Amino acid sequence: MKNKLVLKSLAMVAIILLASSSLTAQTRVKFRRGTNSATLTGRLGAGGVRTYVLRASAGQSLTATLSSSNGKVDFTQGNVHDTQYSRTLDYNGDVEIMIDNHGRPTNYTLTISIQ
């Protein structure tokens, strides 16, 4: 009886860990040599979040566009919830771009450019 309870508890912990890791996945973006943009595709579950990370330099302009088959995936940068994102960087280093799915599971396309 006690062993069954321990096994059930461990199974629940494993399920929670697996679910949370897929909800907050992170991907490093690297541009091909000689290019300044990348188009990425993926799938997000309901309520899923994915973070893209890329290296950039101060003064560069970053733009990104996002589309999804359910129309419910957007950028979540502070208070911004939109399918278009742009900013001029004021530091050297990694930049994070987070997208969030507010609907049913869906496929998405993300294009990131930096100049």
Protein backbone atom coordinates (compact mmCIF):
# COMPACT_ATOMS: atom_id res chain seq x y z
CA MET A 1 0.00 0.00 0.00
CA LYS A 2 2.77 2.42 0.99
CA ASN A 3 4.80 1.48 -2.12
CA LYS A 4 1.83 2.22 -4.40
CA LEU A 5 1.45 5.69 -2.85
CA VAL A 6 5.16 6.41 -3.36
CA LEU A 7 5.01 5.22 -6.98
CA LYS A 8 1.92 7.34 -7.68
CA SER A 9 3.61 10.38 -6.14
CA LEU A 10 6.75 9.88 -8.23
CA ALA A 11 4.66 9.46 -11.37
CA MET A 12 2.83 12.73 -10.67
CA VAL A 13 6.11 14.58 -10.12
CA ALA A 14 7.48 13.20 -13.41
CA ILE A 15 4.36 14.26 -15.30
CA ILE A 16 4.50 17.77 -13.85
CA LEU A 17 8.19 18.14 -14.71
CA LEU A 18 7.70 16.92 -18.28
CA ALA A 19 4.71 19.20 -18.81
CA SER A 20 6.45 22.29 -17.43
CA SER A 21 9.60 21.73 -19.50
CA SER A 22 7.60 21.66 -22.74
CA LEU A 23 5.67 24.77 -21.73
CA THR A 24 8.81 26.85 -21.24
CA ALA A 25 11.19 25.55 -23.90
CA GLN A 26 14.14 27.74 -24.96
CA THR A 27 15.87 27.79 -28.35
CA ARG A 28 19.13 29.50 -29.38
CA VAL A 29 18.82 31.29 -32.75
CA LYS A 30 21.86 31.45 -35.02
CA PHE A 31 21.81 33.12 -38.41
CA ARG A 32 23.49 31.44 -41.36
CA ARG A 33 26.75 33.02 -42.40
CA GLY A 34 26.11 36.10 -44.53
CA THR A 35 22.44 36.45 -43.54
CA ASN A 36 20.67 38.73 -41.09
CA SER A 37 17.40 36.85 -40.66
CA ALA A 38 16.05 33.44 -39.76
CA THR A 39 12.62 31.85 -40.14
CA LEU A 40 11.68 29.26 -37.55
CA THR A 41 8.64 27.03 -37.32
CA GLY A 42 7.25 25.06 -34.45
CA ARG A 43 4.24 23.86 -32.53
CA LEU A 44 2.95 25.14 -29.20
CA GLY A 45 0.48 23.36 -26.97
CA ALA A 46 -2.43 25.19 -25.36
CA GLY A 47 -0.92 27.74 -22.96
CA GLY A 48 2.57 26.92 -24.26
CA VAL A 49 5.45 29.37 -24.10
CA ARG A 50 8.74 29.31 -26.02
CA THR A 51 11.71 31.59 -25.60
CA TYR A 52 14.17 32.30 -28.41
CA VAL A 53 17.61 33.66 -27.53
CA LEU A 54 20.03 35.37 -29.90
CA ARG A 55 23.24 37.35 -29.56
CA ALA A 56 23.19 40.98 -30.69
CA SER A 57 25.14 44.22 -30.36
CA ALA A 58 24.22 47.66 -29.09
CA GLY A 59 22.73 49.84 -31.84
CA GLN A 60 21.36 46.95 -33.87
CA SER A 61 17.67 46.91 -34.80
CA LEU A 62 15.77 43.72 -34.13
CA THR A 63 12.46 42.99 -35.83
CA ALA A 64 10.30 39.90 -35.61
CA THR A 65 7.00 38.76 -37.07
CA LEU A 66 4.85 35.87 -35.94
CA SER A 67 1.94 33.97 -37.45
CA SER A 68 0.02 30.93 -36.24
CA SER A 69 -2.72 28.69 -37.57
CA ASN A 70 -5.02 29.51 -34.63
CA GLY A 71 -4.25 33.27 -34.60
CA LYS A 72 -3.66 33.13 -30.82
CA VAL A 73 0.15 33.11 -30.62
CA ASP A 74 1.85 36.43 -29.86
CA PHE A 75 5.00 38.02 -28.45
CA THR A 76 5.00 38.55 -24.71
CA GLN A 77 7.59 41.27 -24.17
CA GLY A 78 6.50 43.12 -21.03
CA ASN A 79 3.04 44.52 -21.69
CA VAL A 80 3.30 43.95 -25.45
CA HIS A 81 1.05 41.21 -26.84
CA ASP A 82 1.30 41.50 -30.62
CA THR A 83 2.43 39.55 -33.69
CA GLN A 84 4.96 42.27 -34.66
CA TYR A 85 7.94 43.18 -32.50
CA SER A 86 10.82 45.60 -32.96
CA ARG A 87 13.43 47.34 -30.85
CA THR A 88 16.82 48.97 -31.06
CA LEU A 89 19.26 47.31 -28.70
CA ASP A 90 21.11 49.36 -26.12
CA TYR A 91 23.51 46.63 -24.96
CA ASN A 92 25.73 43.81 -26.24
CA GLY A 93 24.72 40.26 -25.42
CA ASP A 94 21.81 37.87 -25.45
CA VAL A 95 18.30 39.02 -26.32
CA GLU A 96 15.27 36.93 -25.40
CA ILE A 97 12.11 36.86 -27.49
CA MET A 98 9.19 35.07 -25.84
CA ILE A 99 6.08 33.82 -27.61
CA ASP A 100 2.90 32.62 -25.93
CA ASN A 101 -0.06 30.55 -27.17
CA HIS A 102 -3.41 31.78 -25.85
CA GLY A 103 -5.48 29.14 -27.69
CA ARG A 104 -5.62 25.51 -28.73
CA PRO A 105 -2.43 23.67 -29.82
CA THR A 106 -1.11 25.20 -33.01
CA ASN A 107 1.73 25.53 -35.51
CA TYR A 108 3.54 28.85 -35.84
CA THR A 109 6.12 30.63 -38.00
CA LEU A 110 8.54 33.16 -36.55
CA THR A 111 10.85 35.38 -38.62
CA ILE A 112 13.59 37.30 -36.83
CA SER A 113 15.81 39.93 -38.49
CA ILE A 114 18.65 41.98 -37.10
CA GLN A 115 20.51 44.84 -38.77
